[in-house]
Amino acid sequence: MYLHGEGNEAALGLALGQGKKYLAVMLLGLLPFGVEQVYISTLRECAETVIPMKAGIAAVFVNLVLNYILIFGKFGAPALGVVGAAVATVISRYVEASIVIIWTHRHTRRNPFIAGAYRSFYIPAGLVKSIVVKGTPLMINEALWAVGMAAIMQCYSLRGLEAVAGLNISSTIGNVFNVVYLAFGNAVSIIVGQLLGAGKMKEARETDTKLIAFSVAACVCIGAILALLAPLFPEIYNTSGEVKALAASFIRIIAICMPMGAFIHASYFTLRSGGKTVVTFLFDSVFMWLVNIPFAYVLSRYTGLPIVPLYLACQMIDLIKCFIGFVLVKNGIWIQNIVEPKP
């Protein structure tokens, strides 16, 4: 689905084979990743954010070291190439999960929720209903969002293997810088969610406004730095000049769109903190499938637009989403206490 291009069948075949090998190993990392996410999200919602951070740093360090050893065959290890990269990632996930799980169970005073957590797997019917009602839209939303991102990437891939390579480089660099607004999104869900749960509605609104404003302002600064450094990052990759040039252009676009992404992300978590999971489903995935994907599909298949302006246009269409997010946050539909028992 993603491998397109003319006159480079050997390269396409190699990319396909390497991709299959990578995915086969990565499947082994799904279990620790899933368990780890449950623990990390619970700790963060209880305002315990340092341990997840330390575990994440440890995982990144392990991943970097093992990537060097296993990809290139250093210190007597076999040179596994792409498979080595996958093995390193899987091991780092087990390390991260182990740190979080062990710490949580060893500190029951700070984490009273974990005491006797596995003594019984009985869940009251009322809680099951609440989880299903609030959680199902979130689960469907995440699944549709992930599939939607894959669909958009497939549209970009029609512009050739070089475009795919450039996008992979830019997304890797972009993810490093996007942690700024991703972290602020988590902060919104934790801080605003706690204020709503405490019944402090006015303070929740004021705090949310400040967090969103600060997130956007921070991303203006980070985006400016990223735009200036855009030509440097692709140089660390062993690839063609064409791919490096494309990657630099994509990184600049990511930098320009960072403030917009910050506002959208903070708006999403604002709505979610108030339990408006159906609204977040409409705001996130439905918008993607009704606007983003058709827009990318039409531009990629029915126009001759080069990949860089195509990518820019597909990113800027999210300005509509910004407007919708502004309206939803401003009218205060999210200001409610979802943990207080209803009479």
C-alpha atoms as a PDB file:
ATOM      1  CA  MET A   1       0.000   0.000   0.000  1.00  0.00           C
ATOM      2  CA  TYR A   2       2.876   2.370   0.740  1.00  0.00           C
ATOM      3  CA  LEU A   3       5.497   1.371  -1.820  1.00  0.00           C
ATOM      4  CA  HIS A   4       5.189   3.265  -5.071  1.00  0.00           C
ATOM      5  CA  GLY A   5       7.619   4.478  -7.692  1.00  0.00           C
ATOM      6  CA  GLU A   6       8.897   3.743 -11.157  1.00  0.00           C
ATOM      7  CA  GLY A   7      12.123   2.026 -12.128  1.00  0.00           C
ATOM      8  CA  ASN A   8      13.136   1.028  -8.608  1.00  0.00           C
ATOM      9  CA  GLU A   9      11.426  -2.334  -8.126  1.00  0.00           C
ATOM     10  CA  ALA A  10      14.458  -3.731  -6.301  1.00  0.00           C
ATOM     11  CA  ALA A  11      14.360  -0.922  -3.747  1.00  0.00           C
ATOM     12  CA  LEU A  12      10.616  -1.386  -3.275  1.00  0.00           C
ATOM     13  CA  GLY A  13      11.047  -5.124  -2.736  1.00  0.00           C
ATOM     14  CA  LEU A  14      13.844  -4.550  -0.225  1.00  0.00           C
ATOM     15  CA  ALA A  15      11.760  -2.001   1.697  1.00  0.00           C
ATOM     16  CA  LEU A  16       8.840  -4.442   1.834  1.00  0.00           C
ATOM     17  CA  GLY A  17      10.996  -7.311   3.101  1.00  0.00           C
ATOM     18  CA  GLN A  18      12.683  -5.183   5.755  1.00  0.00           C
ATOM     19  CA  GLY A  19       9.349  -3.784   6.875  1.00  0.00           C
ATOM     20  CA  LYS A  20       7.908  -7.275   7.403  1.00  0.00           C
ATOM     21  CA  LYS A  21      10.919  -8.332   9.467  1.00  0.00           C
ATOM     22  CA  TYR A  22      10.661  -5.210  11.609  1.00  0.00           C
ATOM     23  CA  LEU A  23       6.942  -5.647  12.283  1.00  0.00           C
ATOM     24  CA  ALA A  24       7.330  -9.335  13.165  1.00  0.00           C
ATOM     25  CA  VAL A  25       9.665  -8.438  16.017  1.00  0.00           C
ATOM     26  CA  MET A  26       7.713  -5.359  17.113  1.00  0.00           C
ATOM     27  CA  LEU A  27       4.656  -7.525  17.800  1.00  0.00           C
ATOM     28  CA  LEU A  28       6.522  -8.896  20.821  1.00  0.00           C
ATOM     29  CA  GLY A  29       6.539  -5.426  22.351  1.00  0.00           C
ATOM     30  CA  LEU A  30       2.771  -4.918  22.322  1.00  0.00           C
ATOM     31  CA  LEU A  31       2.146  -6.651  25.676  1.00  0.00           C
ATOM     32  CA  PRO A  32       4.589  -4.608  27.792  1.00  0.00           C
ATOM     33  CA  PHE A  33       3.514  -1.451  25.985  1.00  0.00           C
ATOM     34  CA  GLY A  34      -0.159  -2.065  26.774  1.00  0.00           C
ATOM     35  CA  VAL A  35       0.421  -2.877  30.449  1.00  0.00           C
ATOM     36  CA  GLU A  36       2.836   0.018  30.852  1.00  0.00           C
ATOM     37  CA  GLN A  37       0.314   2.494  29.438  1.00  0.00           C
ATOM     38  CA  VAL A  38      -2.273   1.454  32.033  1.00  0.00           C
ATOM     39  CA  TYR A  39       0.171   2.030  34.896  1.00  0.00           C
ATOM     40  CA  ILE A  40       1.594   5.264  33.486  1.00  0.00           C
ATOM     41  CA  SER A  41      -1.785   6.843  32.788  1.00  0.00           C
ATOM     42  CA  THR A  42      -3.003   5.943  36.298  1.00  0.00           C
ATOM     43  CA  LEU A  43       0.113   7.401  37.925  1.00  0.00           C
ATOM     44  CA  ARG A  44      -0.175  10.602  35.903  1.00  0.00           C
ATOM     45  CA  GLU A  45      -3.837  11.012  36.810  1.00  0.00           C
ATOM     46  CA  CYS A  46      -2.744  10.771  40.462  1.00  0.00           C
ATOM     47  CA  ALA A  47      -0.213  13.577  39.814  1.00  0.00           C
ATOM     48  CA  GLU A  48       2.748  11.147  39.917  1.00  0.00           C
ATOM     49  CA  THR A  49       4.567  12.229  36.759  1.00  0.00           C
ATOM     50  CA  VAL A  50       8.247  11.875  37.726  1.00  0.00           C
ATOM     51  CA  ILE A  51       8.476   8.070  37.688  1.00  0.00           C
ATOM     52  CA  PRO A  52       6.927   7.727  34.196  1.00  0.00           C
ATOM     53  CA  MET A  53       9.409  10.362  33.027  1.00  0.00           C
ATOM     54  CA  LYS A  54      12.371   8.520  34.526  1.00  0.00           C
ATOM     55  CA  ALA A  55      11.176   5.230  33.056  1.00  0.00           C
ATOM     56  CA  GLY A  56      10.823   6.875  29.655  1.00  0.00           C
ATOM     57  CA  ILE A  57      14.333   8.330  29.834  1.00  0.00           C
ATOM     58  CA  ALA A  58      15.740   4.922  30.811  1.00  0.00           C
ATOM     59  CA  ALA A  59      13.897   3.315  27.893  1.00  0.00           C
ATOM     60  CA  VAL A  60      15.279   5.856  25.429  1.00  0.00           C
ATOM     61  CA  PHE A  61      18.817   5.304  26.723  1.00  0.00           C
ATOM     62  CA  VAL A  62      18.486   1.503  26.475  1.00  0.00           C
ATOM     63  CA  ASN A  63      17.024   1.848  22.991  1.00  0.00           C
ATOM     64  CA  LEU A  64      19.866   4.088  21.809  1.00  0.00           C
ATOM     65  CA  VAL A  65      22.599   1.844  23.180  1.00  0.00           C
ATOM     66  CA  LEU A  66      21.062  -1.381  21.889  1.00  0.00           C
ATOM     67  CA  ASN A  67      20.360   0.188  18.502  1.00  0.00           C
ATOM     68  CA  TYR A  68      24.054   0.966  18.144  1.00  0.00           C
ATOM     69  CA  ILE A  69      25.081  -2.516  19.257  1.00  0.00           C
ATOM     70  CA  LEU A  70      22.493  -4.610  17.404  1.00  0.00           C
ATOM     71  CA  ILE A  71      22.169  -2.676  14.143  1.00  0.00           C
ATOM     72  CA  PHE A  72      25.907  -2.450  13.480  1.00  0.00           C
ATOM     73  CA  GLY A  73      27.092  -5.540  15.367  1.00  0.00           C
ATOM     74  CA  LYS A  74      29.275  -3.870  18.000  1.00  0.00           C
ATOM     75  CA  PHE A  75      30.979  -5.512  21.027  1.00  0.00           C
ATOM     76  CA  GLY A  76      30.768  -8.949  19.468  1.00  0.00           C
ATOM     77  CA  ALA A  77      27.027  -8.833  18.794  1.00  0.00           C
ATOM     78  CA  PRO A  78      25.708  -9.857  15.367  1.00  0.00           C
ATOM     79  CA  ALA A  79      24.872  -7.058  12.901  1.00  0.00           C
ATOM     80  CA  LEU A  80      21.101  -7.450  12.657  1.00  0.00           C
ATOM     81  CA  GLY A  81      20.258  -4.255  10.796  1.00  0.00           C
ATOM     82  CA  VAL A  82      16.534  -3.505  10.755  1.00  0.00           C
ATOM     83  CA  VAL A  83      15.781  -6.508  12.952  1.00  0.00           C
ATOM     84  CA  GLY A  84      18.294  -5.195  15.497  1.00  0.00           C
ATOM     85  CA  ALA A  85      16.447  -1.880  15.615  1.00  0.00           C
ATOM     86  CA  ALA A  86      13.196  -3.699  16.371  1.00  0.00           C
ATOM     87  CA  VAL A  87      14.802  -5.904  19.042  1.00  0.00           C
ATOM     88  CA  ALA A  88      16.247  -2.824  20.735  1.00  0.00           C
ATOM     89  CA  THR A  89      12.843  -1.130  20.792  1.00  0.00           C
ATOM     90  CA  VAL A  90      11.100  -4.206  22.220  1.00  0.00           C
ATOM     91  CA  ILE A  91      13.701  -4.607  24.981  1.00  0.00           C
ATOM     92  CA  SER A  92      13.413  -0.913  25.870  1.00  0.00           C
ATOM     93  CA  ARG A  93       9.647  -1.331  26.252  1.00  0.00           C
ATOM     94  CA  TYR A  94      10.128  -4.216  28.670  1.00  0.00           C
ATOM     95  CA  VAL A  95      12.599  -2.089  30.629  1.00  0.00           C
ATOM     96  CA  GLU A  96      10.197   0.850  30.825  1.00  0.00           C
ATOM     97  CA  ALA A  97       7.278  -1.357  31.847  1.00  0.00           C
ATOM     98  CA  SER A  98       9.354  -3.109  34.523  1.00  0.00           C
ATOM     99  CA  ILE A  99      10.488   0.165  36.103  1.00  0.00           C
ATOM    100  CA  VAL A 100       6.962   1.557  36.316  1.00  0.00           C
ATOM    101  CA  ILE A 101       5.322  -1.652  37.533  1.00  0.00           C
ATOM    102  CA  ILE A 102       7.955  -2.468  40.178  1.00  0.00           C
ATOM    103  CA  TRP A 103       8.001   1.092  41.537  1.00  0.00           C
ATOM    104  CA  THR A 104       4.214   1.234  41.743  1.00  0.00           C
ATOM    105  CA  HIS A 105       3.935  -2.009  43.718  1.00  0.00           C
ATOM    106  CA  ARG A 106       6.806  -1.107  46.052  1.00  0.00           C
ATOM    107  CA  HIS A 107       5.254   2.222  47.049  1.00  0.00           C
ATOM    108  CA  THR A 108       1.759   1.317  48.138  1.00  0.00           C
ATOM    109  CA  ARG A 109       1.528   4.288  50.512  1.00  0.00           C
ATOM    110  CA  ARG A 110       1.927   6.691  47.627  1.00  0.00           C
ATOM    111  CA  ASN A 111      -0.157   4.455  45.384  1.00  0.00           C
ATOM    112  CA  PRO A 112      -2.932   3.072  47.602  1.00  0.00           C
ATOM    113  CA  PHE A 113      -4.958   2.110  44.527  1.00  0.00           C
ATOM    114  CA  ILE A 114      -2.513  -0.720  43.755  1.00  0.00           C
ATOM    115  CA  ALA A 115      -2.897  -2.468  47.141  1.00  0.00           C
ATOM    116  CA  GLY A 116      -4.790  -5.690  46.459  1.00  0.00           C
ATOM    117  CA  ALA A 117      -5.317  -4.675  42.847  1.00  0.00           C
ATOM    118  CA  TYR A 118      -5.019  -8.270  41.612  1.00  0.00           C
ATOM    119  CA  ARG A 119      -6.682  -9.966  44.560  1.00  0.00           C
ATOM    120  CA  SER A 120      -9.911 -10.158  42.597  1.00  0.00           C
ATOM    121  CA  PHE A 121     -10.903  -9.403  39.040  1.00  0.00           C
ATOM    122  CA  TYR A 122     -14.512  -8.676  39.981  1.00  0.00           C
ATOM    123  CA  ILE A 123     -15.767  -5.324  38.709  1.00  0.00           C
ATOM    124  CA  PRO A 124     -19.137  -3.953  39.867  1.00  0.00           C
ATOM    125  CA  ALA A 125     -21.761  -3.757  37.121  1.00  0.00           C
ATOM    126  CA  GLY A 126     -22.204  -0.020  37.639  1.00  0.00           C
ATOM    127  CA  LEU A 127     -18.481   0.595  37.125  1.00  0.00           C
ATOM    128  CA  VAL A 128     -18.448  -1.627  34.043  1.00  0.00           C
ATOM    129  CA  LYS A 129     -21.297   0.413  32.592  1.00  0.00           C
ATOM    130  CA  SER A 130     -19.491   3.672  33.339  1.00  0.00           C
ATOM    131  CA  ILE A 131     -16.265   2.380  31.767  1.00  0.00           C
ATOM    132  CA  VAL A 132     -18.101   1.173  28.658  1.00  0.00           C
ATOM    133  CA  VAL A 133     -20.085   4.395  28.242  1.00  0.00           C
ATOM    134  CA  LYS A 134     -17.075   6.679  28.676  1.00  0.00           C
ATOM    135  CA  GLY A 135     -14.366   4.388  27.324  1.00  0.00           C
ATOM    136  CA  THR A 136     -15.893   2.959  24.147  1.00  0.00           C
ATOM    137  CA  PRO A 137     -15.925   6.274  22.244  1.00  0.00           C
ATOM    138  CA  LEU A 138     -12.284   6.805  23.282  1.00  0.00           C
ATOM    139  CA  MET A 139     -11.271   3.337  22.126  1.00  0.00           C
ATOM    140  CA  ILE A 140     -13.069   3.701  18.803  1.00  0.00           C
ATOM    141  CA  ASN A 141     -11.623   7.177  18.413  1.00  0.00           C
ATOM    142  CA  GLU A 142      -8.036   5.995  18.961  1.00  0.00           C
ATOM    143  CA  ALA A 143      -8.499   3.083  16.556  1.00  0.00           C
ATOM    144  CA  LEU A 144     -10.037   5.230  13.821  1.00  0.00           C
ATOM    145  CA  TRP A 145      -7.418   7.921  14.350  1.00  0.00           C
ATOM    146  CA  ALA A 146      -4.566   5.421  13.942  1.00  0.00           C
ATOM    147  CA  VAL A 147      -6.118   3.889  10.825  1.00  0.00           C
ATOM    148  CA  GLY A 148      -6.808   7.386   9.510  1.00  0.00           C
ATOM    149  CA  MET A 149      -3.180   8.442   9.924  1.00  0.00           C
ATOM    150  CA  ALA A 150      -2.140   5.307   8.031  1.00  0.00           C
ATOM    151  CA  ALA A 151      -4.599   6.185   5.259  1.00  0.00           C
ATOM    152  CA  ILE A 152      -3.237   9.723   4.936  1.00  0.00           C
ATOM    153  CA  MET A 153       0.321   8.404   4.826  1.00  0.00           C
ATOM    154  CA  GLN A 154      -0.736   6.053   2.045  1.00  0.00           C
ATOM    155  CA  CYS A 155      -1.964   9.067   0.066  1.00  0.00           C
ATOM    156  CA  TYR A 156       1.427  10.731   0.501  1.00  0.00           C
ATOM    157  CA  SER A 157       3.199   7.535  -0.565  1.00  0.00           C
ATOM    158  CA  LEU A 158       1.734   7.867  -4.066  1.00  0.00           C
ATOM    159  CA  ARG A 159       4.381  10.520  -4.660  1.00  0.00           C
ATOM    160  CA  GLY A 160       7.134   7.877  -4.500  1.00  0.00           C
ATOM    161  CA  LEU A 161       9.501   6.077  -2.169  1.00  0.00           C
ATOM    162  CA  GLU A 162      11.558   9.252  -1.659  1.00  0.00           C
ATOM    163  CA  ALA A 163       8.492  10.997  -0.243  1.00  0.00           C
ATOM    164  CA  VAL A 164       7.921   8.130   2.195  1.00  0.00           C
ATOM    165  CA  ALA A 165      11.553   8.234   3.327  1.00  0.00           C
ATOM    166  CA  GLY A 166      11.450  12.011   3.765  1.00  0.00           C
ATOM    167  CA  LEU A 167       8.222  11.814   5.746  1.00  0.00           C
ATOM    168  CA  ASN A 168       9.656   9.112   8.009  1.00  0.00           C
ATOM    169  CA  ILE A 169      12.666  11.294   8.819  1.00  0.00           C
ATOM    170  CA  SER A 170      10.554  14.389   9.420  1.00  0.00           C
ATOM    171  CA  SER A 171       8.038  12.525  11.592  1.00  0.00           C
ATOM    172  CA  THR A 172      10.856  11.177  13.754  1.00  0.00           C
ATOM    173  CA  ILE A 173      12.294  14.668  14.275  1.00  0.00           C
ATOM    174  CA  GLY A 174       8.835  16.168  14.648  1.00  0.00           C
ATOM    175  CA  ASN A 175       7.929  13.679  17.366  1.00  0.00           C
ATOM    176  CA  VAL A 176      10.926  14.826  19.393  1.00  0.00           C
ATOM    177  CA  PHE A 177       9.781  18.453  19.317  1.00  0.00           C
ATOM    178  CA  ASN A 178       6.058  17.705  19.530  1.00  0.00           C
ATOM    179  CA  VAL A 179       6.514  16.291  23.026  1.00  0.00           C
ATOM    180  CA  VAL A 180       6.109  19.900  24.183  1.00  0.00           C
ATOM    181  CA  TYR A 181       2.437  20.152  23.301  1.00  0.00           C
ATOM    182  CA  LEU A 182       1.819  16.447  23.903  1.00  0.00           C
ATOM    183  CA  ALA A 183       2.999  16.975  27.487  1.00  0.00           C
ATOM    184  CA  PHE A 184       0.792  20.038  27.856  1.00  0.00           C
ATOM    185  CA  GLY A 185      -2.161  17.966  26.663  1.00  0.00           C
ATOM    186  CA  ASN A 186      -1.485  15.498  29.469  1.00  0.00           C
ATOM    187  CA  ALA A 187      -1.126  18.403  31.889  1.00  0.00           C
ATOM    188  CA  VAL A 188      -4.533  19.713  30.843  1.00  0.00           C
ATOM    189  CA  SER A 189      -6.179  16.325  31.399  1.00  0.00           C
ATOM    190  CA  ILE A 190      -4.540  15.900  34.824  1.00  0.00           C
ATOM    191  CA  ILE A 191      -4.803  19.423  36.274  1.00  0.00           C
ATOM    192  CA  VAL A 192      -8.154  20.428  34.800  1.00  0.00           C
ATOM    193  CA  GLY A 193      -9.590  16.963  35.470  1.00  0.00           C
ATOM    194  CA  GLN A 194      -8.628  17.206  39.144  1.00  0.00           C
ATOM    195  CA  LEU A 195     -10.175  20.688  39.471  1.00  0.00           C
ATOM    196  CA  LEU A 196     -13.391  19.496  37.854  1.00  0.00           C
ATOM    197  CA  GLY A 197     -13.445  16.467  40.156  1.00  0.00           C
ATOM    198  CA  ALA A 198     -13.054  18.795  43.142  1.00  0.00           C
ATOM    199  CA  GLY A 199     -15.993  20.892  41.962  1.00  0.00           C
ATOM    200  CA  LYS A 200     -13.822  23.967  41.268  1.00  0.00           C
ATOM    201  CA  MET A 201     -15.487  24.840  37.968  1.00  0.00           C
ATOM    202  CA  LYS A 202     -14.440  28.496  37.700  1.00  0.00           C
ATOM    203  CA  GLU A 203     -10.839  27.683  38.573  1.00  0.00           C
ATOM    204  CA  ALA A 204     -10.873  24.830  36.063  1.00  0.00           C
ATOM    205  CA  ARG A 205     -11.904  27.167  33.251  1.00  0.00           C
ATOM    206  CA  GLU A 206      -9.306  29.793  34.176  1.00  0.00           C
ATOM    207  CA  THR A 207      -6.550  27.212  34.519  1.00  0.00           C
ATOM    208  CA  ASP A 208      -7.491  25.601  31.219  1.00  0.00           C
ATOM    209  CA  THR A 209      -7.309  28.943  29.410  1.00  0.00           C
ATOM    210  CA  LYS A 210      -3.854  29.640  30.846  1.00  0.00           C
ATOM    211  CA  LEU A 211      -2.557  26.162  29.988  1.00  0.00           C
ATOM    212  CA  ILE A 212      -3.791  26.395  26.405  1.00  0.00           C
ATOM    213  CA  ALA A 213      -2.304  29.876  25.957  1.00  0.00           C
ATOM    214  CA  PHE A 214       1.028  28.809  27.432  1.00  0.00           C
ATOM    215  CA  SER A 215       1.124  25.667  25.279  1.00  0.00           C
ATOM    216  CA  VAL A 216       0.542  27.652  22.082  1.00  0.00           C
ATOM    217  CA  ALA A 217       3.098  30.308  23.071  1.00  0.00           C
ATOM    218  CA  ALA A 218       5.703  27.658  23.911  1.00  0.00           C
ATOM    219  CA  CYS A 219       5.153  25.968  20.550  1.00  0.00           C
ATOM    220  CA  VAL A 220       5.601  29.266  18.715  1.00  0.00           C
ATOM    221  CA  CYS A 221       9.096  29.447  20.215  1.00  0.00           C
ATOM    222  CA  ILE A 222       9.886  25.743  19.749  1.00  0.00           C
ATOM    223  CA  GLY A 223       8.532  25.852  16.195  1.00  0.00           C
ATOM    224  CA  ALA A 224      10.773  28.801  15.340  1.00  0.00           C
ATOM    225  CA  ILE A 225      13.826  26.907  16.612  1.00  0.00           C
ATOM    226  CA  LEU A 226      12.806  23.778  14.690  1.00  0.00           C
ATOM    227  CA  ALA A 227      12.338  25.759  11.467  1.00  0.00           C
ATOM    228  CA  LEU A 228      15.838  27.231  11.785  1.00  0.00           C
ATOM    229  CA  LEU A 229      17.410  23.815  12.436  1.00  0.00           C
ATOM    230  CA  ALA A 230      15.358  21.989   9.783  1.00  0.00           C
ATOM    231  CA  PRO A 231      18.189  21.606   7.218  1.00  0.00           C
ATOM    232  CA  LEU A 232      20.564  20.122   9.807  1.00  0.00           C
ATOM    233  CA  PHE A 233      18.574  17.120  11.047  1.00  0.00           C
ATOM    234  CA  PRO A 234      18.342  15.196   7.737  1.00  0.00           C
ATOM    235  CA  GLU A 235      22.140  15.343   7.425  1.00  0.00           C
ATOM    236  CA  ILE A 236      22.537  12.763  10.194  1.00  0.00           C
ATOM    237  CA  TYR A 237      20.773  10.185   7.991  1.00  0.00           C
ATOM    238  CA  ASN A 238      22.533   8.065   5.394  1.00  0.00           C
ATOM    239  CA  THR A 239      20.245   8.735   2.454  1.00  0.00           C
ATOM    240  CA  SER A 240      20.075  10.604  -0.850  1.00  0.00           C
ATOM    241  CA  GLY A 241      20.188  14.358  -1.286  1.00  0.00           C
ATOM    242  CA  GLU A 242      16.632  14.357  -2.634  1.00  0.00           C
ATOM    243  CA  VAL A 243      15.292  12.634   0.476  1.00  0.00           C
ATOM    244  CA  LYS A 244      17.215  15.035   2.739  1.00  0.00           C
ATOM    245  CA  ALA A 245      15.799  18.051   0.909  1.00  0.00           C
ATOM    246  CA  LEU A 246      12.257  16.693   1.173  1.00  0.00           C
ATOM    247  CA  ALA A 247      12.728  15.899   4.865  1.00  0.00           C
ATOM    248  CA  ALA A 248      13.954  19.456   5.556  1.00  0.00           C
ATOM    249  CA  SER A 249      10.853  20.889   3.837  1.00  0.00           C
ATOM    250  CA  PHE A 250       8.547  18.600   5.801  1.00  0.00           C
ATOM    251  CA  ILE A 251      10.248  19.583   9.070  1.00  0.00           C
ATOM    252  CA  ARG A 252       9.701  23.276   8.292  1.00  0.00           C
ATOM    253  CA  ILE A 253       6.008  22.582   7.715  1.00  0.00           C
ATOM    254  CA  ILE A 254       5.805  20.693  11.007  1.00  0.00           C
ATOM    255  CA  ALA A 255       7.444  23.693  12.700  1.00  0.00           C
ATOM    256  CA  ILE A 256       4.949  26.126  11.184  1.00  0.00           C
ATOM    257  CA  CYS A 257       2.016  23.980  12.271  1.00  0.00           C
ATOM    258  CA  MET A 258       3.202  23.355  15.850  1.00  0.00           C
ATOM    259  CA  PRO A 259       1.149  26.183  17.470  1.00  0.00           C
ATOM    260  CA  MET A 260      -1.939  24.940  15.650  1.00  0.00           C
ATOM    261  CA  GLY A 261      -1.250  21.385  16.816  1.00  0.00           C
ATOM    262  CA  ALA A 262      -0.787  22.635  20.378  1.00  0.00           C
ATOM    263  CA  PHE A 263      -4.181  24.330  20.396  1.00  0.00           C
ATOM    264  CA  ILE A 264      -5.962  21.316  18.884  1.00  0.00           C
ATOM    265  CA  HIS A 265      -4.304  18.895  21.293  1.00  0.00           C
ATOM    266  CA  ALA A 266      -5.075  21.008  24.370  1.00  0.00           C
ATOM    267  CA  SER A 267      -8.674  21.463  23.215  1.00  0.00           C
ATOM    268  CA  TYR A 268      -9.058  17.712  22.781  1.00  0.00           C
ATOM    269  CA  PHE A 269      -7.838  16.986  26.311  1.00  0.00           C
ATOM    270  CA  THR A 270      -9.968  19.789  27.718  1.00  0.00           C
ATOM    271  CA  LEU A 271     -13.065  18.136  26.315  1.00  0.00           C
ATOM    272  CA  ARG A 272     -11.891  14.719  27.498  1.00  0.00           C
ATOM    273  CA  SER A 273     -11.187  15.937  31.040  1.00  0.00           C
ATOM    274  CA  GLY A 274     -14.876  16.781  31.345  1.00  0.00           C
ATOM    275  CA  GLY A 275     -15.935  13.333  30.163  1.00  0.00           C
ATOM    276  CA  LYS A 276     -17.128  14.516  26.742  1.00  0.00           C
ATOM    277  CA  THR A 277     -15.808  11.416  25.029  1.00  0.00           C
ATOM    278  CA  VAL A 278     -18.484  11.378  22.324  1.00  0.00           C
ATOM    279  CA  VAL A 279     -17.647  14.991  21.478  1.00  0.00           C
ATOM    280  CA  THR A 280     -13.932  14.196  21.357  1.00  0.00           C
ATOM    281  CA  PHE A 281     -14.758  11.294  19.040  1.00  0.00           C
ATOM    282  CA  LEU A 282     -16.552  13.685  16.670  1.00  0.00           C
ATOM    283  CA  PHE A 283     -13.847  16.320  17.069  1.00  0.00           C
ATOM    284  CA  ASP A 284     -10.955  13.937  16.405  1.00  0.00           C
ATOM    285  CA  SER A 285     -11.700  10.869  14.305  1.00  0.00           C
ATOM    286  CA  VAL A 286     -14.908  11.924  12.591  1.00  0.00           C
ATOM    287  CA  PHE A 287     -13.243  15.135  11.455  1.00  0.00           C
ATOM    288  CA  MET A 288     -10.290  13.134  10.160  1.00  0.00           C
ATOM    289  CA  TRP A 289     -12.466  10.735   8.158  1.00  0.00           C
ATOM    290  CA  LEU A 290     -14.835  13.392   6.822  1.00  0.00           C
ATOM    291  CA  VAL A 291     -12.293  16.138   6.124  1.00  0.00           C
ATOM    292  CA  ASN A 292      -8.597  15.184   6.354  1.00  0.00           C
ATOM    293  CA  ILE A 293      -8.683  11.859   4.513  1.00  0.00           C
ATOM    294  CA  PRO A 294     -11.000  12.894   1.619  1.00  0.00           C
ATOM    295  CA  PHE A 295      -8.943  16.064   1.186  1.00  0.00           C
ATOM    296  CA  ALA A 296      -5.652  14.118   1.019  1.00  0.00           C
ATOM    297  CA  TYR A 297      -7.224  11.457  -1.211  1.00  0.00           C
ATOM    298  CA  VAL A 298      -8.459  13.970  -3.788  1.00  0.00           C
ATOM    299  CA  LEU A 299      -5.237  16.004  -3.857  1.00  0.00           C
ATOM    300  CA  SER A 300      -3.002  12.924  -4.126  1.00  0.00           C
ATOM    301  CA  ARG A 301      -4.989  11.138  -6.829  1.00  0.00           C
ATOM    302  CA  TYR A 302      -6.672  13.837  -8.888  1.00  0.00           C
ATOM    303  CA  THR A 303      -4.029  16.565  -8.956  1.00  0.00           C
ATOM    304  CA  GLY A 304      -0.385  16.700  -9.922  1.00  0.00           C
ATOM    305  CA  LEU A 305       0.510  18.661  -6.807  1.00  0.00           C
ATOM    306  CA  PRO A 306       4.089  17.853  -5.683  1.00  0.00           C
ATOM    307  CA  ILE A 307       4.512  16.230  -2.294  1.00  0.00           C
ATOM    308  CA  VAL A 308       5.677  19.325  -0.380  1.00  0.00           C
ATOM    309  CA  PRO A 309       2.700  21.619  -1.195  1.00  0.00           C
ATOM    310  CA  LEU A 310       0.440  18.571  -0.910  1.00  0.00           C
ATOM    311  CA  TYR A 311       1.715  17.904   2.605  1.00  0.00           C
ATOM    312  CA  LEU A 312       1.387  21.596   3.546  1.00  0.00           C
ATOM    313  CA  ALA A 313      -2.204  21.774   2.303  1.00  0.00           C
ATOM    314  CA  CYS A 314      -3.163  18.631   4.226  1.00  0.00           C
ATOM    315  CA  GLN A 315      -1.696  20.082   7.424  1.00  0.00           C
ATOM    316  CA  MET A 316      -3.291  23.509   7.059  1.00  0.00           C
ATOM    317  CA  ILE A 317      -6.786  22.057   6.628  1.00  0.00           C
ATOM    318  CA  ASP A 318      -6.666  21.567  10.412  1.00  0.00           C
ATOM    319  CA  LEU A 319      -7.320  25.297  10.777  1.00  0.00           C
ATOM    320  CA  ILE A 320     -10.985  24.312  10.523  1.00  0.00           C
ATOM    321  CA  LYS A 321     -10.453  21.993  13.482  1.00  0.00           C
ATOM    322  CA  CYS A 322      -8.861  24.848  15.432  1.00  0.00           C
ATOM    323  CA  PHE A 323     -11.994  26.938  14.968  1.00  0.00           C
ATOM    324  CA  ILE A 324     -14.245  24.062  16.069  1.00  0.00           C
ATOM    325  CA  GLY A 325     -12.039  23.424  19.103  1.00  0.00           C
ATOM    326  CA  PHE A 326     -12.172  27.107  20.063  1.00  0.00           C
ATOM    327  CA  VAL A 327     -15.974  27.125  19.950  1.00  0.00           C
ATOM    328  CA  LEU A 328     -16.316  23.898  21.948  1.00  0.00           C
ATOM    329  CA  VAL A 329     -13.865  24.983  24.664  1.00  0.00           C
ATOM    330  CA  LYS A 330     -15.278  28.503  24.921  1.00  0.00           C
ATOM    331  CA  ASN A 331     -18.918  27.447  25.371  1.00  0.00           C
ATOM    332  CA  GLY A 332     -17.925  25.322  28.386  1.00  0.00           C
ATOM    333  CA  ILE A 333     -19.745  22.077  27.546  1.00  0.00           C
ATOM    334  CA  TRP A 334     -16.834  20.239  29.190  1.00  0.00           C
ATOM    335  CA  ILE A 335     -17.255  21.890  32.606  1.00  0.00           C
ATOM    336  CA  GLN A 336     -18.775  19.066  34.661  1.00  0.00           C
ATOM    337  CA  ASN A 337     -17.847  16.699  37.474  1.00  0.00           C
ATOM    338  CA  ILE A 338     -17.860  13.127  36.174  1.00  0.00           C
ATOM    339  CA  VAL A 339     -16.598  11.476  39.386  1.00  0.00           C
ATOM    340  CA  GLU A 340     -19.231  12.800  41.772  1.00  0.00           C
ATOM    341  CA  PRO A 341     -22.120  10.308  42.202  1.00  0.00           C
ATOM    342  CA  LYS A 342     -25.331  11.598  40.678  1.00  0.00           C
ATOM    343  CA  PRO A 343     -28.348  11.796  43.000  1.00  0.00           C
END
